[in-house]
Each structure stands twice: as C-alpha cells, then as structure tokens.
Amino acid sequence: MRVVAAMSGGVDSAVAAALAIDAGHEVTGVHMALSRTPGTLRTGSRGCCTIEDAMDARRVCDRLGIPYYVWDFSEEFAETVVADFLAEYEAGRTPNPCLRCNEKIKFAALLDRAVALGFDAVATGHHVRMVDGVLHRSLDAAKDQSYVLAVLTEDQLSHSLFPLAGMTKEQVRREAAARGFAVAAKPDSYDICFIPDGDTRGYLAERLGDRPGPLVDATTGAVLGEHRGTHGYTIGQRKGLGLSRPAPDGRPRFVLGIEPVSGTVTVGPVTGLDVHEVTAERVVFPSGRPSDFPLRCTVQLRAHGGTVAGTADLRPGPQRTEQLRVALDQPVRGVAPGQTAVVYDPGDDFVIAAGTVVSTVVGTVVGTGVNTAAAAEVATGTGTPR
C-alpha cells in the first residue's frame, strides 16, 4: 500500500514509519505544521509542533530513505481545535484538545488529503491495536491511547495503520536506538501544544477577557467571593478558587457547577462531585454499531484515568440524534460536561462507543452533605447541582 506516515518528530512515529516500511508499504513521511509561528525549541515535554520537532522528523525520514514533506494544517487547526477549545471553556465545559486534534486533523484533514493524493492509508505511532477491524487497547496499559482515538469512525479506522500495536513503550525506545534514531530517548509530549508555557488559565483570560461573577456556596446560597471569568474554572477544582471568606461549615470547597450565562460558579463539599450517570451526545461507534443495547460495559471518562463498570444504553436525543447514557456502578468524582465518555466491553479491552458528555447526574447537596437519593442533573450551560 501507499502509506503516509504521520511524523510528529517523536520516537513513536519514527518507529511506526520504520515498521510500515518493513511491512512492505511504500511510505512517505509527512509532518503536520499546526501553527504559522511555531516555537523554535521544545520546553520540557510540552508539545509536538515546534521547529525542532519538524527537524527531528526530517532526520528520521532521511535515515529511512523516504520522502519527507511538511503539510500546512495551521488554518484547519485554528478553526477546529483552538476555536473549539475556547468555545467549550466559554460555555462552561471542559474540552480535550488532543482528542479533538486526532479527530479533526490527524484522521480527518490529514487522512482526507492523503486519500485525495492517491494514498491508501495513514500510519501513526499511537499505542492501540486493531483486531479484525475492532479498536482495542494497547498491550502497554500505561501508554494506551484508545481513549483519544475512540471518536474516530469505522471508515477512518479502516484507512489507518498502527504499527506499534504489539509493542510496549520500552520496546519502542529500544527499537529506535537499534535503528540509530536520535529521538530514541526524546521525552513524550503531554502539554497542550498551543499553550507553550502551560498556563491554561492565563491563555483563556487573555483571549476571553474578564467576566466577573459570583462564587456561590451550594449548601447555603451564600456568595463566598467573586471570580474574573467562568473560563478559569473546571468541575472538581479546589485550588485557586478565590474565595474571599470561608464556607460556613469550614470544610474545603470544590467547583461543582459552572453557569456561563449568569457567570455563576457554584462551589461545595467534595461529596457534591459524586457522579452516578453520564449522558453523552455526538455518539460514535468506531468498530460498528452493536445491536444489543442496553449492555454491560466499563467506561473511561478521562484520558489518563481508570475505568468504572456500568450499564450503557442509547436513547433519543434532540433533533433526531442519539444520546449515550451510562449508569455507573460506583460514583466517579469530578466529571464535567465537555469531557469524552468512552465505553469499552465488560472485559475493558475494546472500544464500543464514544461521545461528548453533555450532562451528569450527581447527588443533590443538602445541608452539609449530599442526598444521593435525590439525584440532580448537571447539564451543559447550567452546570449547577440543584
């Protein structure tokens, strides 16, 4: 097959390209330029879009003896990833820009251009496995990336190659060193690539501006302080709340709800974060739609979090859409609208479905405790336990 190897400049994509060549594919290396003004040097393990990363990718391609190109996706990235990031925070939600980049750039814009140019597939260095057309977790649980790829469609996955399917990260680094790649010991990137200094709150404040509002105690309704913008808060946050006076019961307060229209941030005791059910929209079935809903499953709600058992079901949503609802066997704390819920089979091995969380069911705050018998829904745009 004619294959585009997505070259981030890191060790995973370097080894993936080499293994694609070993498998007999005709490989062309492509580095995606996501900014018109990329940083010159990396800072720690911050991102995958610097000039240094582009040079690292070129050196790997030169060593492999394959063509190398830089494709400019800066406009698409700004419109579909950065703009979405800002809009989600402005609406009181908590997005995952890396997941959105995989969905909109690596496996939409890049794949579409590759297919239009006559390529058959895109190979990436993601740590996942495809088994008989079904998206499975990586053998290396610590590096598994099935969560961030669960939003891909069945068609996109059919044009994707994951050469690292049977490898651990340690094995990838050993392979890179054996092949003489300079990136063998290069650190992984974790931070948001378009926020180089890691100051997300400062980045949002600069672009969305000051929008003062009250910090309201969920147990009493008392105003405990004033904030400069709801975009500076996320569900479950404890530090940096800016409370001007302590809560009446003296206990620590956490962000329980964000209501951007009125500018209200609701805070309360940690028990007010216990989520018993999540509802997600924009539902995707990356390996084909199963026919046996409701079904037992496990669900992962954060990129670097564990899973919890539950029961998933499909229900009619607004405007002829479907909603994915998952009742959790055990409560999970701090789930926020905007996050992604990924449903796995009960054995926690392969992906069944994924969707964007639009509401959660939590316990109703009563006095100094939480009445879990009277559940309250925290919805997008309201976000406040009632």
Protein backbone atom coordinates (compact mmCIF):
# COMPACT_ATOMS: atom_id res chain seq x y z
CA MET A 1 0.00 0.00 0.00
CA ARG A 2 0.96 3.63 -0.44
CA VAL A 3 1.09 4.99 3.10
CA VAL A 4 1.52 8.42 4.66
CA ALA A 5 3.44 8.18 7.93
CA ALA A 6 2.35 10.99 10.25
CA MET A 7 5.69 12.19 11.63
CA SER A 8 5.36 14.18 14.85
CA GLY A 9 9.10 14.25 15.45
CA GLY A 10 8.80 11.84 18.36
CA VAL A 11 10.03 8.30 18.91
CA ASP A 12 6.68 6.58 18.40
CA SER A 13 6.02 7.98 14.94
CA ALA A 14 9.64 7.30 13.92
CA VAL A 15 9.42 3.61 14.78
CA ALA A 16 5.92 3.35 13.28
CA ALA A 17 7.24 4.65 9.95
CA ALA A 18 10.15 2.19 10.03
CA LEU A 19 7.85 -0.75 10.77
CA ALA A 20 5.49 0.30 7.96
CA ILE A 21 8.46 0.14 5.57
CA ASP A 22 9.44 -3.27 6.96
CA ALA A 23 5.90 -4.46 6.26
CA GLY A 24 6.43 -3.72 2.57
CA HIS A 25 4.48 -0.48 2.26
CA GLU A 26 5.55 2.46 0.10
CA VAL A 27 5.92 5.11 2.80
CA THR A 28 6.05 8.90 2.62
CA GLY A 29 6.74 10.90 5.78
CA VAL A 30 4.55 13.93 6.49
CA HIS A 31 4.95 16.39 9.34
CA MET A 32 1.88 18.48 10.14
CA ALA A 33 2.53 22.19 10.65
CA LEU A 34 -0.17 23.32 13.06
CA SER A 35 0.99 26.88 13.59
CA ARG A 36 2.30 29.59 11.26
CA THR A 37 4.61 30.74 14.08
CA PRO A 38 5.83 27.56 15.84
CA GLY A 39 8.30 27.75 18.69
CA THR A 40 11.91 27.14 17.80
CA LEU A 41 12.76 24.82 20.67
CA ARG A 42 10.83 22.47 22.89
CA THR A 43 10.32 23.35 26.54
CA GLY A 44 10.37 20.21 28.68
CA SER A 45 7.87 17.81 27.13
CA ARG A 46 5.38 20.41 26.09
CA GLY A 47 4.17 19.69 22.60
CA CYS A 48 4.67 18.23 19.14
CA CYS A 49 4.58 21.28 16.89
CA THR A 50 7.94 23.04 17.23
CA ILE A 51 10.55 23.66 14.57
CA GLU A 52 12.79 21.22 16.42
CA ASP A 53 10.12 18.53 16.07
CA ALA A 54 9.93 19.15 12.32
CA MET A 55 13.71 18.81 12.05
CA ASP A 56 13.67 15.60 14.10
CA ALA A 57 11.05 14.17 11.75
CA ARG A 58 13.14 15.10 8.71
CA ARG A 59 16.24 13.41 10.15
CA VAL A 60 14.29 10.17 10.71
CA CYS A 61 12.93 10.22 7.16
CA ASP A 62 16.42 10.88 5.77
CA ARG A 63 17.75 7.91 7.71
CA LEU A 64 14.91 5.73 6.42
CA GLY A 65 15.44 6.97 2.87
CA ILE A 66 11.84 8.02 2.34
CA PRO A 67 10.34 11.27 1.00
CA TYR A 68 9.53 13.91 3.59
CA TYR A 69 7.03 16.75 3.37
CA VAL A 70 5.55 19.35 5.69
CA TRP A 71 1.83 19.88 5.19
CA ASP A 72 0.34 23.10 6.49
CA PHE A 73 -2.77 22.47 8.59
CA SER A 74 -2.47 25.64 10.66
CA GLU A 75 -5.74 27.11 9.39
CA GLU A 76 -7.71 23.90 9.98
CA PHE A 77 -6.11 23.52 13.41
CA ALA A 78 -7.05 27.06 14.42
CA GLU A 79 -10.63 26.64 13.21
CA THR A 80 -11.39 23.17 14.53
CA VAL A 81 -9.15 22.67 17.59
CA VAL A 82 -8.20 26.03 19.06
CA ALA A 83 -11.57 27.65 18.35
CA ASP A 84 -13.37 24.63 19.80
CA PHE A 85 -11.17 24.80 22.91
CA LEU A 86 -12.06 28.44 23.51
CA ALA A 87 -15.76 27.96 22.76
CA GLU A 88 -16.05 24.99 25.10
CA TYR A 89 -14.48 26.85 28.03
CA GLU A 90 -16.61 29.89 27.27
CA ALA A 91 -19.69 27.64 27.50
CA GLY A 92 -18.62 26.23 30.87
CA ARG A 93 -17.39 22.91 29.53
CA THR A 94 -14.04 21.13 29.79
CA PRO A 95 -12.65 20.04 26.38
CA ASN A 96 -9.80 17.72 25.43
CA PRO A 97 -7.91 19.46 22.59
CA CYS A 98 -5.61 16.50 21.91
CA LEU A 99 -8.62 14.26 21.32
CA ARG A 100 -10.16 16.89 19.05
CA CYS A 101 -6.87 17.15 17.12
CA ASN A 102 -6.87 13.42 16.47
CA GLU A 103 -10.48 13.61 15.33
CA LYS A 104 -10.33 16.74 13.17
CA ILE A 105 -6.71 16.96 11.99
CA LYS A 106 -4.81 13.66 12.03
CA PHE A 107 -7.70 11.45 10.99
CA ALA A 108 -9.81 13.92 9.04
CA ALA A 109 -7.77 16.66 7.37
CA LEU A 110 -4.58 14.58 7.02
CA LEU A 111 -6.36 11.39 6.01
CA ASP A 112 -8.63 13.20 3.55
CA ARG A 113 -5.68 14.87 1.84
CA ALA A 114 -3.72 11.63 1.76
CA VAL A 115 -6.59 9.71 0.13
CA ALA A 116 -7.16 12.55 -2.35
CA LEU A 117 -3.49 12.26 -3.36
CA GLY A 118 -3.79 8.54 -4.00
CA PHE A 119 -2.51 7.13 -0.71
CA ASP A 120 -4.25 4.11 0.79
CA ALA A 121 -3.74 4.74 4.50
CA VAL A 122 -2.16 6.85 7.22
CA ALA A 123 0.23 5.24 9.72
CA THR A 124 0.67 6.77 13.16
CA GLY A 125 2.59 5.99 16.32
CA HIS A 126 -0.48 5.61 18.55
CA HIS A 127 -0.40 2.81 21.09
CA VAL A 128 -3.55 0.90 20.15
CA ARG A 129 -4.42 -2.37 18.41
CA MET A 130 -6.82 -3.12 15.57
CA VAL A 131 -8.07 -6.70 15.76
CA ASP A 132 -10.43 -7.80 12.98
CA GLY A 133 -11.50 -4.20 12.41
CA VAL A 134 -12.13 -3.54 16.12
CA LEU A 135 -10.25 -0.88 18.12
CA HIS A 136 -8.54 -2.48 21.13
CA ARG A 137 -6.41 -1.17 23.96
CA SER A 138 -2.63 -1.28 23.67
CA LEU A 139 -0.66 -4.12 25.20
CA ASP A 140 1.11 -1.39 27.19
CA ALA A 141 -1.66 -0.27 29.55
CA ALA A 142 0.37 2.71 30.75
CA LYS A 143 0.61 4.10 27.20
CA ASP A 144 -2.79 3.03 25.85
CA GLN A 145 -4.30 5.70 23.56
CA SER A 146 -7.58 4.03 22.60
CA TYR A 147 -9.41 6.72 24.60
CA VAL A 148 -8.24 9.54 22.31
CA LEU A 149 -8.93 7.52 19.15
CA ALA A 150 -12.38 6.30 20.20
CA VAL A 151 -14.01 9.29 18.44
CA LEU A 152 -12.88 8.03 15.01
CA THR A 153 -15.34 6.48 12.61
CA GLU A 154 -15.25 2.95 11.28
CA ASP A 155 -14.27 4.30 7.84
CA GLN A 156 -11.39 6.39 9.24
CA LEU A 157 -10.02 3.42 11.15
CA SER A 158 -10.22 1.26 8.00
CA HIS A 159 -7.68 3.64 6.39
CA SER A 160 -5.38 3.75 9.42
CA LEU A 161 -2.34 1.70 10.37
CA PHE A 162 -0.97 1.36 13.90
CA PRO A 163 2.39 -0.42 13.52
CA LEU A 164 3.15 -0.25 17.27
CA ALA A 165 0.18 -2.50 18.06
CA GLY A 166 2.16 -5.23 19.78
CA MET A 167 4.85 -3.10 21.43
CA THR A 168 5.40 -1.51 24.81
CA LYS A 169 6.95 1.93 25.09
CA GLU A 170 10.17 0.40 26.34
CA GLN A 171 10.32 -1.82 23.28
CA VAL A 172 9.69 1.18 21.01
CA ARG A 173 12.63 3.06 22.52
CA ARG A 174 14.91 0.03 22.20
CA GLU A 175 13.88 -0.36 18.55
CA ALA A 176 14.57 3.33 17.89
CA ALA A 177 18.01 3.08 19.48
CA ALA A 178 18.83 -0.05 17.47
CA ARG A 179 17.95 1.82 14.28
CA GLY A 180 20.11 4.78 15.25
CA PHE A 181 17.29 7.28 15.61
CA ALA A 182 18.37 10.37 17.55
CA VAL A 183 14.85 10.60 19.03
CA ALA A 184 15.18 7.26 20.86
CA ALA A 185 15.38 8.97 24.26
CA LYS A 186 13.27 12.02 23.40
CA PRO A 187 10.64 12.71 26.10
CA ASP A 188 6.95 12.29 25.34
CA SER A 189 4.79 15.38 24.87
CA TYR A 190 1.99 15.87 27.38
CA ASP A 191 1.05 19.54 27.44
CA ILE A 192 -1.31 21.46 25.15
CA CYS A 193 0.85 22.34 22.16
CA PHE A 194 -0.70 25.78 21.54
CA ILE A 195 -0.16 26.86 25.17
CA PRO A 196 3.66 26.73 25.31
CA ASP A 197 4.06 27.91 28.90
CA GLY A 198 1.37 25.59 30.26
CA ASP A 199 -0.65 28.49 31.74
CA THR A 200 -4.12 27.49 30.54
CA ARG A 201 -5.92 29.95 32.79
CA GLY A 202 -3.76 32.84 31.55
CA TYR A 203 -4.26 31.79 27.93
CA LEU A 204 -8.04 31.73 28.36
CA ALA A 205 -8.13 35.03 30.26
CA GLU A 206 -6.12 36.77 27.53
CA ARG A 207 -8.46 35.59 24.78
CA LEU A 208 -11.82 35.59 26.54
CA GLY A 209 -11.29 38.57 28.83
CA ASP A 210 -12.53 39.34 32.33
CA ARG A 211 -16.15 38.41 33.00
CA PRO A 212 -16.71 38.83 36.75
CA GLY A 213 -19.31 36.77 38.56
CA PRO A 214 -20.15 35.31 41.97
CA LEU A 215 -18.75 32.24 43.68
CA VAL A 216 -21.83 30.76 45.34
CA ASP A 217 -21.92 28.16 48.09
CA ALA A 218 -24.14 25.24 47.06
CA THR A 219 -25.22 24.40 50.61
CA THR A 220 -26.38 27.87 51.69
CA GLY A 221 -26.57 30.03 48.58
CA ALA A 222 -24.14 32.48 50.20
CA VAL A 223 -21.74 34.42 47.97
CA LEU A 224 -18.23 33.45 49.07
CA GLY A 225 -16.31 35.57 46.60
CA GLU A 226 -16.07 36.90 43.05
CA HIS A 227 -14.25 35.47 40.05
CA ARG A 228 -12.93 37.12 36.88
CA GLY A 229 -14.38 34.61 34.44
CA THR A 230 -16.02 31.18 34.45
CA HIS A 231 -13.42 30.04 31.92
CA GLY A 232 -10.89 30.00 34.76
CA TYR A 233 -12.65 27.09 36.47
CA THR A 234 -13.27 23.40 35.87
CA ILE A 235 -15.52 20.94 37.64
CA GLY A 236 -13.71 19.40 40.61
CA GLN A 237 -11.22 22.26 41.01
CA ARG A 238 -10.14 23.00 44.58
CA LYS A 239 -7.12 25.32 44.42
CA GLY A 240 -7.20 28.91 43.26
CA LEU A 241 -10.94 29.42 43.76
CA GLY A 242 -10.51 32.98 45.03
CA LEU A 243 -12.89 32.70 47.98
CA SER A 244 -12.94 35.93 49.99
CA ARG A 245 -14.49 34.24 53.03
CA PRO A 246 -14.62 30.64 54.25
CA ALA A 247 -17.58 28.32 53.84
CA PRO A 248 -19.97 28.31 56.81
CA ASP A 249 -19.09 24.73 57.77
CA GLY A 250 -15.34 25.35 57.45
CA ARG A 251 -14.84 22.47 55.01
CA PRO A 252 -12.87 22.75 51.75
CA ARG A 253 -14.89 23.81 48.73
CA PHE A 254 -14.69 22.44 45.19
CA VAL A 255 -16.18 23.67 41.92
CA LEU A 256 -19.47 21.81 41.48
CA GLY A 257 -21.07 23.78 38.66
CA ILE A 258 -20.36 26.46 36.06
CA GLU A 259 -23.12 28.62 34.59
CA PRO A 260 -21.59 30.94 31.98
CA VAL A 261 -24.77 32.90 31.13
CA SER A 262 -25.18 34.33 34.65
CA GLY A 263 -21.47 33.97 35.36
CA THR A 264 -22.12 31.87 38.45
CA VAL A 265 -19.58 29.36 39.72
CA THR A 266 -21.07 27.06 42.35
CA VAL A 267 -18.79 25.59 44.99
CA GLY A 268 -19.46 23.00 47.64
CA PRO A 269 -18.19 19.96 49.56
CA VAL A 270 -16.37 17.21 47.71
CA THR A 271 -19.33 14.85 48.03
CA GLY A 272 -21.19 17.11 45.60
CA LEU A 273 -18.89 15.81 42.86
CA ASP A 274 -20.12 12.22 43.02
CA VAL A 275 -21.45 11.38 39.55
CA HIS A 276 -23.78 8.40 39.17
CA GLU A 277 -24.74 8.72 35.49
CA VAL A 278 -23.40 10.46 32.39
CA THR A 279 -25.18 11.42 29.19
CA ALA A 280 -23.17 11.93 26.01
CA GLU A 281 -24.01 13.15 22.51
CA ARG A 282 -22.16 13.08 19.16
CA VAL A 283 -22.07 9.32 19.62
CA VAL A 284 -19.54 7.39 17.51
CA PHE A 285 -19.22 3.62 17.06
CA PRO A 286 -15.62 3.22 15.86
CA SER A 287 -15.91 -0.51 15.22
CA GLY A 288 -19.53 -0.67 14.06
CA ARG A 289 -22.79 -0.20 15.88
CA PRO A 290 -23.70 -3.04 18.27
CA SER A 291 -27.30 -4.21 18.35
CA ASP A 292 -27.63 -5.33 21.94
CA PHE A 293 -28.21 -2.11 23.93
CA PRO A 294 -28.58 -1.80 26.87
CA LEU A 295 -25.32 -3.56 27.65
CA ARG A 296 -22.83 -4.02 30.45
CA CYS A 297 -19.59 -2.16 29.97
CA THR A 298 -16.76 -0.24 31.50
CA VAL A 299 -16.46 3.50 30.86
CA GLN A 300 -13.42 5.79 30.84
CA LEU A 301 -14.06 9.49 31.43
CA ARG A 302 -10.54 10.97 31.34
CA ALA A 303 -7.56 10.41 29.07
CA HIS A 304 -5.34 9.37 31.96
CA GLY A 305 -7.99 7.92 34.26
CA GLY A 306 -9.17 4.42 35.01
CA THR A 307 -12.49 2.84 34.15
CA VAL A 308 -15.62 2.06 36.14
CA ALA A 309 -18.22 -0.61 35.42
CA GLY A 310 -21.71 0.38 34.38
CA THR A 311 -24.65 -0.15 32.05
CA ALA A 312 -24.83 1.75 28.75
CA ASP A 313 -27.97 2.49 26.78
CA LEU A 314 -29.00 4.53 23.74
CA ARG A 315 -31.90 6.95 23.95
CA PRO A 316 -33.42 9.51 21.57
CA GLY A 317 -31.71 12.88 21.75
CA PRO A 318 -32.55 16.35 20.43
CA GLN A 319 -33.07 16.91 16.70
CA ARG A 320 -33.22 13.21 15.82
CA THR A 321 -29.86 12.44 17.39
CA GLU A 322 -28.96 9.70 19.82
CA GLN A 323 -27.74 10.04 23.38
CA LEU A 324 -25.47 7.56 25.08
CA ARG A 325 -26.34 7.18 28.77
CA VAL A 326 -24.19 5.21 31.18
CA ALA A 327 -25.34 4.37 34.70
CA LEU A 328 -22.22 3.85 36.83
CA ASP A 329 -21.95 1.04 39.37
CA GLN A 330 -19.79 3.28 41.57
CA PRO A 331 -19.78 7.11 41.63
CA VAL A 332 -16.96 8.95 39.90
CA ARG A 333 -15.91 12.39 41.11
CA GLY A 334 -15.41 15.48 39.04
CA VAL A 335 -16.86 14.51 35.66
CA ALA A 336 -17.51 17.65 33.62
CA PRO A 337 -19.58 18.39 30.51
CA GLY A 338 -17.25 18.58 27.53
CA GLN A 339 -15.22 15.55 28.54
CA THR A 340 -15.43 12.38 26.47
CA ALA A 341 -17.02 9.18 27.69
CA VAL A 342 -15.57 6.06 26.07
CA VAL A 343 -17.45 2.80 26.54
CA TYR A 344 -15.47 -0.45 26.48
CA ASP A 345 -16.60 -4.05 26.51
CA PRO A 346 -17.02 -5.54 30.02
CA GLY A 347 -13.53 -7.03 29.77
CA ASP A 348 -12.16 -3.47 29.35
CA ASP A 349 -10.30 -4.41 26.17
CA PHE A 350 -12.02 -2.99 23.08
CA VAL A 351 -13.98 0.18 22.32
CA ILE A 352 -17.74 0.02 21.78
CA ALA A 353 -18.74 3.69 21.59
CA ALA A 354 -17.72 7.22 22.50
CA GLY A 355 -19.49 10.54 22.96
CA THR A 356 -19.12 14.03 24.39
CA VAL A 357 -20.54 14.38 27.90
CA VAL A 358 -23.39 16.91 27.96
CA SER A 359 -24.81 16.23 31.42
CA THR A 360 -24.21 14.24 34.57
CA VAL A 361 -26.40 13.01 37.41
CA VAL A 362 -24.98 13.83 40.81
CA GLY A 363 -26.22 13.84 44.40
CA THR A 364 -28.26 16.85 45.48
CA VAL A 365 -26.46 18.98 48.03
CA VAL A 366 -28.47 19.09 51.26
CA GLY A 367 -27.14 20.97 54.26
CA THR A 368 -23.56 19.84 54.79
CA GLY A 369 -23.97 16.51 52.99
CA VAL A 370 -25.25 15.02 49.76
CA ASN A 371 -28.57 13.36 49.29
CA THR A 372 -27.81 10.70 46.69
CA ALA A 373 -31.39 9.50 46.79
CA ALA A 374 -32.49 12.72 45.11
CA ALA A 375 -30.21 12.92 42.10
CA ALA A 376 -29.74 16.17 40.22
CA GLU A 377 -28.68 16.62 36.63
CA VAL A 378 -25.78 18.93 35.87
CA ALA A 379 -26.29 19.92 32.25
CA THR A 380 -24.21 21.84 29.77
CA GLY A 381 -24.87 25.55 30.12
CA THR A 382 -26.34 25.22 33.61
CA GLY A 383 -23.89 23.05 35.46
CA THR A 384 -25.21 23.71 38.97
CA PRO A 385 -26.47 20.98 41.28
CA ARG A 386 -29.98 21.82 42.37
